[in-house]
N, C-alpha and C. Protein backbone atom coordinates (compact mmCIF):
# COMPACT_ATOMS: atom_id res chain seq x y z
N MET A 1 -24.47 17.95 0.86
CA MET A 1 -24.00 17.29 1.05
C MET A 1 -23.62 15.87 1.18
N TRP A 2 -25.22 15.82 1.90
CA TRP A 2 -26.17 14.12 1.64
C TRP A 2 -26.62 14.10 0.38
N GLN A 3 -26.51 14.86 0.09
CA GLN A 3 -27.59 14.53 -1.55
C GLN A 3 -25.90 13.78 -3.14
N GLY A 4 -24.92 14.88 -2.26
CA GLY A 4 -23.90 14.16 -3.22
C GLY A 4 -23.74 13.08 -3.38
N ILE A 5 -23.07 13.04 -2.01
CA ILE A 5 -23.03 11.19 -1.83
C ILE A 5 -23.95 10.16 -1.16
N ARG A 6 -24.71 10.67 -0.58
CA ARG A 6 -25.78 9.71 -0.62
C ARG A 6 -26.43 9.09 -1.54
N GLU A 7 -27.36 9.76 -2.07
CA GLU A 7 -28.16 9.83 -4.09
C GLU A 7 -27.15 10.33 -4.31
N HIS A 8 -25.93 9.90 -4.81
CA HIS A 8 -24.87 9.82 -5.73
C HIS A 8 -25.51 10.85 -7.02
N LYS A 9 -25.96 11.84 -6.36
CA LYS A 9 -25.36 13.56 -7.22
C LYS A 9 -24.19 14.20 -7.79
N GLY A 10 -23.45 13.54 -7.15
CA GLY A 10 -22.23 13.86 -8.28
C GLY A 10 -20.97 14.88 -6.74
N TRP A 11 -20.29 15.24 -7.00
CA TRP A 11 -19.48 15.72 -6.41
C TRP A 11 -19.81 17.26 -6.22
N ILE A 12 -20.19 17.74 -7.80
CA ILE A 12 -20.63 18.97 -7.68
C ILE A 12 -21.62 19.77 -6.53
N TRP A 13 -22.46 18.91 -6.31
CA TRP A 13 -23.11 18.93 -5.43
C TRP A 13 -22.36 18.21 -3.67
N VAL A 14 -21.65 17.43 -3.45
CA VAL A 14 -20.78 17.59 -2.64
C VAL A 14 -20.10 19.30 -1.94
N GLY A 15 -19.20 20.10 -3.48
CA GLY A 15 -18.91 21.23 -3.36
C GLY A 15 -19.56 22.31 -2.96
N ALA A 16 -20.92 22.55 -3.40
CA ALA A 16 -21.84 23.13 -3.01
C ALA A 16 -21.65 22.93 -1.94
N GLY A 17 -22.37 22.10 -0.50
CA GLY A 17 -22.17 21.38 0.46
C GLY A 17 -21.30 22.47 1.35
N VAL A 18 -19.94 21.98 1.09
CA VAL A 18 -18.99 22.02 1.62
C VAL A 18 -18.45 23.86 1.69
N ILE A 19 -19.66 24.80 0.65
CA ILE A 19 -19.58 26.08 0.21
C ILE A 19 -20.22 26.16 1.23
N ALA A 20 -22.27 25.80 1.09
CA ALA A 20 -22.29 26.39 2.50
C ALA A 20 -22.30 26.37 3.94
N LEU A 21 -21.36 25.09 4.57
CA LEU A 21 -21.63 25.21 5.32
C LEU A 21 -20.26 25.63 6.61
N GLY A 22 -19.30 26.37 5.35
CA GLY A 22 -18.17 27.31 5.33
C GLY A 22 -18.24 27.80 6.31
N PRO A 23 -19.23 28.41 5.91
CA PRO A 23 -19.04 30.53 6.91
C PRO A 23 -18.78 29.54 8.52
N GLU A 24 -19.19 28.19 9.20
CA GLU A 24 -19.12 27.82 10.54
C GLU A 24 -17.47 28.36 10.38
N VAL A 25 -17.02 27.94 9.96
CA VAL A 25 -15.34 28.09 10.19
C VAL A 25 -14.73 29.47 11.17
N VAL A 26 -15.64 30.56 10.36
CA VAL A 26 -15.37 31.57 10.42
C VAL A 26 -15.94 32.13 12.10
N ALA A 27 -16.36 31.39 12.87
CA ALA A 27 -16.90 31.54 14.55
C ALA A 27 -15.53 30.68 14.81
N THR A 28 -14.27 29.56 14.64
CA THR A 28 -13.52 29.79 15.22
C THR A 28 -12.45 30.57 15.28
N TRP A 29 -12.52 31.60 14.36
CA TRP A 29 -12.29 32.71 14.42
C TRP A 29 -12.00 34.17 15.33
N GLN A 30 -13.04 33.68 16.00
CA GLN A 30 -13.68 34.83 17.06
C GLN A 30 -12.76 35.11 18.54
N SER A 31 -13.20 35.82 18.86
CA SER A 31 -12.38 35.66 20.17
C SER A 31 -13.52 35.14 21.36
N ASP A 32 -13.29 34.57 22.31
CA ASP A 32 -13.97 34.05 23.23
C ASP A 32 -15.04 34.86 23.48
N ASP A 33 -15.04 35.96 23.72
CA ASP A 33 -16.24 36.79 24.24
C ASP A 33 -16.91 36.81 23.31
N ASN A 34 -16.71 36.52 21.94
CA ASN A 34 -17.78 36.58 20.76
C ASN A 34 -18.46 34.92 19.72
N PHE A 35 -17.51 34.64 20.46
CA PHE A 35 -17.68 33.12 19.75
C PHE A 35 -18.75 32.51 20.19
N GLY A 36 -19.49 32.37 21.01
CA GLY A 36 -20.99 31.79 21.64
C GLY A 36 -22.28 32.11 20.44
N ARG A 37 -22.19 33.46 20.21
CA ARG A 37 -23.32 34.82 19.51
C ARG A 37 -22.55 34.02 17.85
N ILE A 38 -21.32 34.52 17.99
CA ILE A 38 -20.81 34.68 16.15
C ILE A 38 -21.98 32.78 15.53
N LEU A 39 -21.89 31.48 16.46
CA LEU A 39 -22.25 30.77 16.92
C LEU A 39 -23.83 30.06 15.99
N VAL A 40 -24.56 31.84 17.45
CA VAL A 40 -26.29 31.36 16.83
C VAL A 40 -26.63 32.35 16.48
N ALA A 41 -25.81 33.24 15.47
CA ALA A 41 -26.42 33.25 14.07
C ALA A 41 -26.13 32.25 13.38
N TYR A 42 -24.89 31.75 12.80
CA TYR A 42 -25.21 30.58 12.12
C TYR A 42 -25.66 29.36 12.39
N GLY A 43 -26.21 28.95 13.70
CA GLY A 43 -27.47 28.02 13.94
C GLY A 43 -28.94 28.79 13.38
N GLY A 44 -28.63 29.95 13.72
CA GLY A 44 -30.20 30.64 13.68
C GLY A 44 -30.34 30.54 12.23
N MET A 45 -29.49 31.12 11.20
CA MET A 45 -29.11 30.77 9.92
C MET A 45 -29.49 29.75 8.97
N PHE A 46 -29.01 29.02 9.80
CA PHE A 46 -28.74 27.24 8.99
C PHE A 46 -29.80 26.77 9.00
N VAL A 47 -30.58 26.59 10.44
CA VAL A 47 -32.23 26.54 10.26
C VAL A 47 -33.28 27.05 8.82
N ALA A 48 -33.08 28.21 9.32
CA ALA A 48 -33.32 29.17 7.72
C ALA A 48 -33.50 28.49 7.28
N GLY A 49 -32.05 28.46 6.65
CA GLY A 49 -31.07 27.82 5.21
C GLY A 49 -31.65 26.57 4.98
N SER A 50 -31.61 25.68 5.75
CA SER A 50 -31.93 24.50 5.59
C SER A 50 -33.54 24.56 5.03
N ILE A 51 -33.82 25.23 5.28
CA ILE A 51 -35.53 24.83 4.22
C ILE A 51 -35.75 25.47 3.81
N ASP A 52 -34.93 26.67 3.08
CA ASP A 52 -34.92 27.27 1.74
C ASP A 52 -34.17 25.54 1.21
N TRP A 53 -32.98 25.42 1.62
CA TRP A 53 -32.27 24.40 0.63
C TRP A 53 -32.99 23.34 0.31
N GLY A 54 -34.10 22.83 1.16
CA GLY A 54 -35.19 22.04 0.87
C GLY A 54 -35.85 22.59 -0.30
N MET A 55 -36.32 23.27 0.19
CA MET A 55 -37.47 24.09 -1.02
C MET A 55 -36.83 24.24 -3.03
N ILE A 56 -35.83 24.25 -2.65
CA ILE A 56 -34.73 24.87 -4.02
C ILE A 56 -34.30 23.40 -4.80
N ALA A 57 -34.17 22.54 -3.83
CA ALA A 57 -33.02 21.06 -4.42
C ALA A 57 -34.01 20.23 -4.01
N ASP A 58 -35.03 20.22 -3.80
CA ASP A 58 -35.80 19.25 -3.18
C ASP A 58 -37.15 19.03 -3.60
N GLY A 59 -37.52 19.87 -3.77
CA GLY A 59 -39.02 20.60 -3.76
C GLY A 59 -39.65 20.35 -2.41
N TYR A 60 -39.26 20.51 -1.59
CA TYR A 60 -39.86 20.97 -0.24
C TYR A 60 -40.95 21.61 -0.19
N ARG A 61 -42.10 21.53 0.34
CA ARG A 61 -42.84 22.72 0.63
C ARG A 61 -43.10 22.64 2.18
N PRO A 62 -42.65 23.18 3.36
CA PRO A 62 -42.54 23.54 4.01
C PRO A 62 -44.46 24.25 4.55
N ASP A 63 -44.86 23.21 6.08
CA ASP A 63 -45.78 23.61 5.99
C ASP A 63 -45.73 25.14 7.60
N ARG A 64 -46.54 25.32 7.73
CA ARG A 64 -46.97 26.77 8.79
C ARG A 64 -45.77 26.66 10.04
N TRP A 65 -45.80 25.03 10.18
CA TRP A 65 -45.16 24.90 11.70
C TRP A 65 -43.46 25.03 11.01
N ASP A 66 -43.20 24.64 10.28
CA ASP A 66 -42.15 24.82 9.87
C ASP A 66 -41.42 26.48 9.44
N VAL A 67 -42.59 27.05 9.11
CA VAL A 67 -41.91 28.74 9.16
C VAL A 67 -42.39 29.22 10.64
N ILE A 68 -42.59 28.85 11.12
CA ILE A 68 -43.38 29.12 12.89
C ILE A 68 -41.65 28.41 13.29
N GLY A 69 -40.96 27.30 12.80
CA GLY A 69 -40.19 27.03 13.55
C GLY A 69 -38.87 28.00 13.37
N ALA A 70 -39.11 28.30 12.14
CA ALA A 70 -37.52 29.17 11.95
C ALA A 70 -37.33 30.24 12.25
N LEU A 71 -38.99 30.94 11.76
CA LEU A 71 -39.14 32.36 12.59
C LEU A 71 -38.62 32.57 13.72
N VAL A 72 -39.40 31.94 14.70
CA VAL A 72 -38.82 31.72 16.02
C VAL A 72 -37.21 31.70 16.77
N CYS A 73 -36.51 29.96 15.49
CA CYS A 73 -35.53 30.27 15.55
C CYS A 73 -34.22 31.88 15.49
N LEU A 74 -34.96 32.91 13.82
CA LEU A 74 -34.13 33.94 13.91
C LEU A 74 -34.54 35.03 15.12
N ALA A 75 -35.44 34.91 15.33
CA ALA A 75 -35.58 36.08 16.12
C ALA A 75 -35.35 35.40 17.59
N GLY A 76 -35.25 34.55 18.45
CA GLY A 76 -34.34 33.71 18.84
C GLY A 76 -32.90 34.71 18.44
N MET A 77 -32.19 33.78 17.69
CA MET A 77 -30.79 34.97 17.41
C MET A 77 -30.66 36.46 17.24
N ALA A 78 -31.69 36.95 16.56
CA ALA A 78 -31.79 38.13 16.65
C ALA A 78 -31.18 38.51 18.08
N VAL A 79 -32.27 38.35 19.19
CA VAL A 79 -32.28 38.50 20.87
C VAL A 79 -31.03 38.73 20.83
N ILE A 80 -30.31 37.00 21.05
CA ILE A 80 -28.86 37.51 21.39
C ILE A 80 -28.39 37.83 20.46
N MET A 81 -27.92 37.97 19.19
CA MET A 81 -26.93 38.75 18.03
C MET A 81 -27.10 40.68 19.23
N TYR A 82 -28.47 41.12 19.04
CA TYR A 82 -28.74 42.19 19.34
C TYR A 82 -28.92 42.98 20.53
N ALA A 83 -28.93 42.37 21.39
CA ALA A 83 -29.25 42.67 22.57
C ALA A 83 -28.78 43.41 23.86
N PRO A 84 -28.78 44.88 23.73
CA PRO A 84 -28.00 45.81 24.47
C PRO A 84 -26.91 45.20 25.68
N ARG A 85 -25.97 45.22 25.70
CA ARG A 85 -25.39 44.62 27.56
C ARG A 85 -23.71 45.83 27.61
N ASN A 86 -24.01 45.38 28.87
CA ASN A 86 -23.12 46.57 29.62
C ASN A 86 -21.90 46.17 29.54
N HIS A 87 -21.31 45.64 28.32
CA HIS A 87 -20.14 45.31 28.18
C HIS A 87 -19.36 45.92 26.87
């Protein structure tokens, strides 16, 4: 969305941004017990997806710290989402 508005790349870019951010709306439909975990999943995917988008749309080349940081986010997301719970 930023590129569409601030860098004048057009409404198609804005629309692609809206579609990319749309899954966050799904989090609002979850029960209170699951809301935090769903939001964590979105956050982890947002971090990794942001790096991917930068590579595809902007020609950005992440360094090893970017990659390690994204992997840490995804690993943390997996722990929160898939840890065994007693309920």
